[in-house]
C-alpha atoms as a PDB file:
ATOM      1  CA  MET A   1     -32.426   9.617  46.518  1.00  0.00           C
ATOM      2  CA  LYS A   2     -33.965   9.278  43.339  1.00  0.00           C
ATOM      3  CA  LYS A   3     -35.357   6.757  41.760  1.00  0.00           C
ATOM      4  CA  ILE A   4     -33.671   4.679  38.862  1.00  0.00           C
ATOM      5  CA  PRO A   5     -36.120   4.582  35.759  1.00  0.00           C
ATOM      6  CA  SER A   6     -36.965   1.170  35.420  1.00  0.00           C
ATOM      7  CA  ILE A   7     -35.888   1.432  31.596  1.00  0.00           C
ATOM      8  CA  LEU A   8     -32.123   2.036  32.379  1.00  0.00           C
ATOM      9  CA  LEU A   9     -32.267  -1.889  34.967  1.00  0.00           C
ATOM     10  CA  ASN A  10     -34.255  -4.179  32.057  1.00  0.00           C
ATOM     11  CA  LYS A  11     -32.350  -7.390  32.081  1.00  0.00           C
ATOM     12  CA  TYR A  12     -32.466  -6.706  28.394  1.00  0.00           C
ATOM     13  CA  LEU A  13     -30.760  -3.938  27.982  1.00  0.00           C
ATOM     14  CA  LEU A  14     -28.242  -4.406  30.440  1.00  0.00           C
ATOM     15  CA  ALA A  15     -27.377  -7.924  29.192  1.00  0.00           C
ATOM     16  CA  ILE A  16     -27.044  -6.013  25.490  1.00  0.00           C
ATOM     17  CA  GLY A  17     -24.952  -3.032  27.121  1.00  0.00           C
ATOM     18  CA  GLY A  18     -22.114  -5.355  28.994  1.00  0.00           C
ATOM     19  CA  PHE A  19     -22.741  -7.675  25.301  1.00  0.00           C
ATOM     20  CA  LEU A  20     -21.254  -4.063  23.451  1.00  0.00           C
ATOM     21  CA  VAL A  21     -19.002  -3.762  26.226  1.00  0.00           C
ATOM     22  CA  TRP A  22     -17.211  -6.499  26.154  1.00  0.00           C
ATOM     23  CA  MET A  23     -17.124  -7.117  22.459  1.00  0.00           C
ATOM     24  CA  ILE A  24     -15.620  -3.348  21.962  1.00  0.00           C
ATOM     25  CA  PHE A  25     -13.017  -3.085  24.982  1.00  0.00           C
ATOM     26  CA  PHE A  26     -12.446  -6.362  26.195  1.00  0.00           C
ATOM     27  CA  ASP A  27     -12.897  -9.411  23.096  1.00  0.00           C
ATOM     28  CA  GLN A  28      -9.499 -10.561  21.528  1.00  0.00           C
ATOM     29  CA  LYS A  29     -10.321  -8.846  18.026  1.00  0.00           C
ATOM     30  CA  ASP A  30     -12.453  -6.447  19.467  1.00  0.00           C
ATOM     31  CA  PHE A  31     -13.287  -3.098  17.625  1.00  0.00           C
ATOM     32  CA  PHE A  32      -9.561  -1.483  17.874  1.00  0.00           C
ATOM     33  CA  TYR A  33      -7.879  -4.797  16.286  1.00  0.00           C
ATOM     34  CA  SER A  34     -10.142  -4.858  14.284  1.00  0.00           C
ATOM     35  CA  SER A  35      -9.470  -1.454  13.192  1.00  0.00           C
ATOM     36  CA  ASP A  36      -5.922  -1.621  12.764  1.00  0.00           C
ATOM     37  CA  ARG A  37      -6.277  -5.485  10.330  1.00  0.00           C
ATOM     38  CA  GLY A  38      -8.610  -2.799   7.924  1.00  0.00           C
ATOM     39  CA  HIS A  39      -5.283  -0.279   8.274  1.00  0.00           C
ATOM     40  CA  GLU A  40      -3.295  -2.960   7.238  1.00  0.00           C
ATOM     41  CA  LEU A  41      -5.160  -4.813   4.884  1.00  0.00           C
ATOM     42  CA  LYS A  42      -5.785  -1.422   2.482  1.00  0.00           C
ATOM     43  CA  LYS A  43      -1.872  -0.911   2.790  1.00  0.00           C
ATOM     44  CA  LEU A  44      -1.399  -3.870   1.558  1.00  0.00           C
ATOM     45  CA  GLN A  45      -3.688  -4.078  -1.204  1.00  0.00           C
ATOM     46  CA  GLU A  46      -1.758  -0.642  -2.137  1.00  0.00           C
ATOM     47  CA  LYS A  47       1.227  -2.040  -2.584  1.00  0.00           C
ATOM     48  CA  LYS A  48       0.393  -4.776  -4.432  1.00  0.00           C
ATOM     49  CA  ASP A  49      -1.567  -3.073  -6.984  1.00  0.00           C
ATOM     50  CA  TYR A  50       1.802  -1.157  -7.009  1.00  0.00           C
ATOM     51  CA  TYR A  51       3.729  -4.295  -7.726  1.00  0.00           C
ATOM     52  CA  THR A  52       1.001  -5.681  -9.684  1.00  0.00           C
ATOM     53  CA  ALA A  53       2.028  -2.557 -11.917  1.00  0.00           C
ATOM     54  CA  GLU A  54       5.087  -2.257 -11.738  1.00  0.00           C
ATOM     55  CA  ILE A  55       5.823  -6.080 -12.970  1.00  0.00           C
ATOM     56  CA  ALA A  56       3.065  -5.228 -15.880  1.00  0.00           C
ATOM     57  CA  LYS A  57       5.365  -2.345 -16.898  1.00  0.00           C
ATOM     58  CA  ALA A  58       8.586  -4.888 -16.633  1.00  0.00           C
ATOM     59  CA  LYS A  59       6.550  -7.545 -18.805  1.00  0.00           C
ATOM     60  CA  GLN A  60       6.253  -4.734 -21.678  1.00  0.00           C
ATOM     61  CA  GLU A  61       9.764  -3.424 -21.491  1.00  0.00           C
ATOM     62  CA  LEU A  62      11.272  -7.100 -21.564  1.00  0.00           C
ATOM     63  CA  SER A  63       8.630  -8.018 -24.862  1.00  0.00           C
ATOM     64  CA  ASP A  64      10.039  -5.072 -26.015  1.00  0.00           C
ATOM     65  CA  LEU A  65      13.490  -5.709 -26.098  1.00  0.00           C
ATOM     66  CA  GLN A  66      13.100  -9.033 -27.188  1.00  0.00           C
ATOM     67  CA  GLY A  67      12.235  -7.805 -30.163  1.00  0.00           C
ATOM     68  CA  ASN A  68      13.491  -4.211 -30.833  1.00  0.00           C
ATOM     69  CA  PRO A  69      17.249  -3.894 -31.623  1.00  0.00           C
ATOM     70  CA  ALA A  70      16.542  -0.057 -31.119  1.00  0.00           C
ATOM     71  CA  ALA A  71      15.261  -0.634 -27.386  1.00  0.00           C
ATOM     72  CA  ILE A  72      18.196  -2.768 -26.873  1.00  0.00           C
ATOM     73  CA  GLU A  73      20.361   0.129 -27.550  1.00  0.00           C
ATOM     74  CA  LYS A  74      17.760   2.529 -26.024  1.00  0.00           C
ATOM     75  CA  PHE A  75      17.989   0.663 -22.642  1.00  0.00           C
ATOM     76  CA  GLY A  76      22.058  -0.088 -22.279  1.00  0.00           C
ATOM     77  CA  ARG A  77      21.834   4.025 -23.161  1.00  0.00           C
ATOM     78  CA  GLU A  78      19.537   4.686 -19.683  1.00  0.00           C
ATOM     79  CA  ARG A  79      20.628   1.897 -17.746  1.00  0.00           C
ATOM     80  CA  TYR A  80      24.066   1.390 -17.818  1.00  0.00           C
ATOM     81  CA  MET A  81      25.384   4.635 -18.953  1.00  0.00           C
ATOM     82  CA  LEU A  82      26.886   2.740 -22.236  1.00  0.00           C
ATOM     83  CA  LYS A  83      27.682   4.927 -24.789  1.00  0.00           C
ATOM     84  CA  LYS A  84      29.429   3.881 -28.820  1.00  0.00           C
ATOM     85  CA  ASP A  85      32.755   4.638 -29.688  1.00  0.00           C
ATOM     86  CA  GLY A  86      34.600   8.226 -30.500  1.00  0.00           C
ATOM     87  CA  GLU A  87      31.078   9.765 -28.484  1.00  0.00           C
ATOM     88  CA  ASP A  88      31.115  11.846 -25.999  1.00  0.00           C
ATOM     89  CA  VAL A  89      28.679  11.253 -23.213  1.00  0.00           C
ATOM     90  CA  PHE A  90      27.197  14.472 -20.942  1.00  0.00           C
ATOM     91  CA  ILE A  91      24.465  13.198 -17.218  1.00  0.00           C
ATOM     92  CA  VAL A  92      22.706  15.768 -16.513  1.00  0.00           C
ATOM     93  CA  GLU A  93      21.115  15.284 -12.997  1.00  0.00           C
ATOM     94  CA  ASP A  94      18.244  17.650 -11.946  1.00  0.00           C
ATOM     95  CA  SER A  95      18.845  18.510  -8.661  1.00  0.00           C
ATOM     96  CA  LEU A  96      15.208  18.098  -7.340  1.00  0.00           C
ATOM     97  CA  ALA A  97      14.930  14.370  -8.221  1.00  0.00           C
ATOM     98  CA  THR A  98      18.022  13.893  -5.965  1.00  0.00           C
ATOM     99  CA  LYS A  99      16.654  15.672  -2.993  1.00  0.00           C
ATOM    100  CA  ARG A 100      13.478  13.357  -2.825  1.00  0.00           C
END
């Protein structure tokens, strides 16, 4: 039989190797758990950024609507399809936008 090199039987290397295997695979917060949490954190951060931007847009729109009568009319026409008396409104839908 071949003799096992003494470096592989070193008690410190065996302890460090056992510790690494335990931390990577068997610990409650192992490598895979931490990796999944990191990906989830990244997704949540992206959602937070998106909603922060949407809130900023909504605040800007609100400030425009509070002080500008033309903006109020534009808002009513775009969102609620309102029209003036004696006016015809034609709605044109983009076929690409409806497929998304």
